[in-house]
């Protein structure tokens, strides 16, 4: 069944301060994308949010993003090497 926004909002409350912050963040994201379609507000703001998120979690997330070219199961270097080995008859 389809759930309507009004039904969800009946059980969900948000303090006005958070609503204003969310609105400001979405506006900044919109301005950034208007100036540069490739702009990623979260990546640009992430270094300033390390204290909020926690340094350990931030570093793990950044490492995953930056090493995706190695570990990506579909197009990463390891997947390509595995396909090459399999093409030679090796099955690790």
Protein backbone atom coordinates (compact mmCIF):
# COMPACT_ATOMS: atom_id res chain seq x y z
CA UNK A 1 0.00 0.00 0.00
CA UNK A 2 1.11 3.51 -0.73
CA UNK A 3 1.93 5.68 2.28
CA UNK A 4 1.14 9.36 2.05
CA UNK A 5 3.40 12.09 3.41
CA UNK A 6 0.72 13.33 5.79
CA UNK A 7 0.48 9.89 7.38
CA UNK A 8 4.23 9.76 7.95
CA UNK A 9 4.43 13.31 9.28
CA UNK A 10 1.78 12.43 11.87
CA UNK A 11 4.40 10.30 13.68
CA UNK A 12 7.49 12.32 12.81
CA UNK A 13 8.45 15.56 14.50
CA UNK A 14 11.48 17.69 13.77
CA UNK A 15 12.70 20.57 15.87
CA UNK A 16 12.56 23.84 14.00
CA UNK A 17 16.32 24.39 14.36
CA UNK A 18 17.03 21.17 12.48
CA UNK A 19 14.52 22.05 9.80
CA UNK A 20 16.22 25.42 9.26
CA UNK A 21 19.65 23.78 9.09
CA UNK A 22 18.39 21.20 6.59
CA UNK A 23 16.88 23.96 4.45
CA UNK A 24 20.11 25.98 4.52
CA UNK A 25 22.18 22.92 3.58
CA UNK A 26 19.89 22.07 0.67
CA UNK A 27 20.05 25.67 -0.55
CA UNK A 28 23.86 25.64 -0.40
CA UNK A 29 23.88 22.37 -2.32
CA UNK A 30 21.54 23.88 -4.93
CA UNK A 31 23.71 26.98 -5.37
CA UNK A 32 26.82 24.82 -5.69
CA UNK A 33 25.19 22.59 -8.32
CA UNK A 34 23.94 25.68 -10.16
CA UNK A 35 27.49 26.98 -10.44
CA UNK A 36 29.10 23.59 -11.08
CA UNK A 37 26.95 20.54 -11.96
CA UNK A 38 29.75 18.25 -10.72
CA UNK A 39 29.72 19.90 -7.26
CA UNK A 40 29.27 17.50 -4.35
CA UNK A 41 28.34 19.44 -1.23
CA UNK A 42 28.85 16.51 1.14
CA UNK A 43 32.39 15.84 -0.10
CA UNK A 44 33.22 19.53 0.05
CA UNK A 45 31.88 19.87 3.60
CA UNK A 46 33.18 16.53 4.92
CA UNK A 47 36.57 17.76 6.14
CA UNK A 48 34.77 20.32 8.30
CA UNK A 49 32.38 17.73 9.72
CA UNK A 50 35.01 15.28 10.98
CA UNK A 51 34.45 16.34 14.58
CA UNK A 52 30.73 15.69 14.27
CA UNK A 53 30.98 12.38 12.45
CA UNK A 54 34.08 11.10 14.20
CA UNK A 55 37.55 10.88 12.72
CA UNK A 56 37.58 7.07 12.53
CA UNK A 57 34.32 6.82 10.57
CA UNK A 58 35.35 9.67 8.30
CA UNK A 59 38.68 8.00 7.48
CA UNK A 60 37.05 4.63 6.78
CA UNK A 61 34.47 6.22 4.47
CA UNK A 62 37.11 8.25 2.64
CA UNK A 63 39.34 5.18 2.19
CA UNK A 64 36.42 3.20 0.76
CA UNK A 65 35.64 6.00 -1.71
CA UNK A 66 39.23 6.47 -2.80
CA UNK A 67 40.01 2.75 -3.11
CA UNK A 68 36.83 1.85 -4.96
CA UNK A 69 38.80 1.59 -8.19
CA UNK A 70 40.68 -1.33 -6.60
CA UNK A 71 37.92 -3.17 -4.75
CA UNK A 72 34.84 -2.50 -6.91
CA UNK A 73 33.42 -6.00 -7.56
CA UNK A 74 32.30 -5.12 -11.10
CA UNK A 75 34.99 -2.84 -12.46
CA UNK A 76 37.83 -2.76 -9.91
CA UNK A 77 41.42 -3.79 -10.56
CA UNK A 78 41.01 -6.95 -8.50
CA UNK A 79 37.92 -7.98 -10.48
CA UNK A 80 39.81 -7.43 -13.74
CA UNK A 81 42.79 -9.46 -12.52
CA UNK A 82 40.48 -12.26 -11.39
CA UNK A 83 38.84 -12.32 -14.82
CA UNK A 84 42.28 -12.47 -16.45
CA UNK A 85 43.35 -15.42 -14.27
CA UNK A 86 40.10 -17.23 -15.03
CA UNK A 87 40.64 -16.67 -18.75
CA UNK A 88 43.96 -18.55 -18.41
CA UNK A 89 42.23 -21.42 -16.65
CA UNK A 90 43.12 -20.56 -13.06
CA UNK A 91 40.25 -20.75 -10.62
CA UNK A 92 41.31 -19.33 -7.25
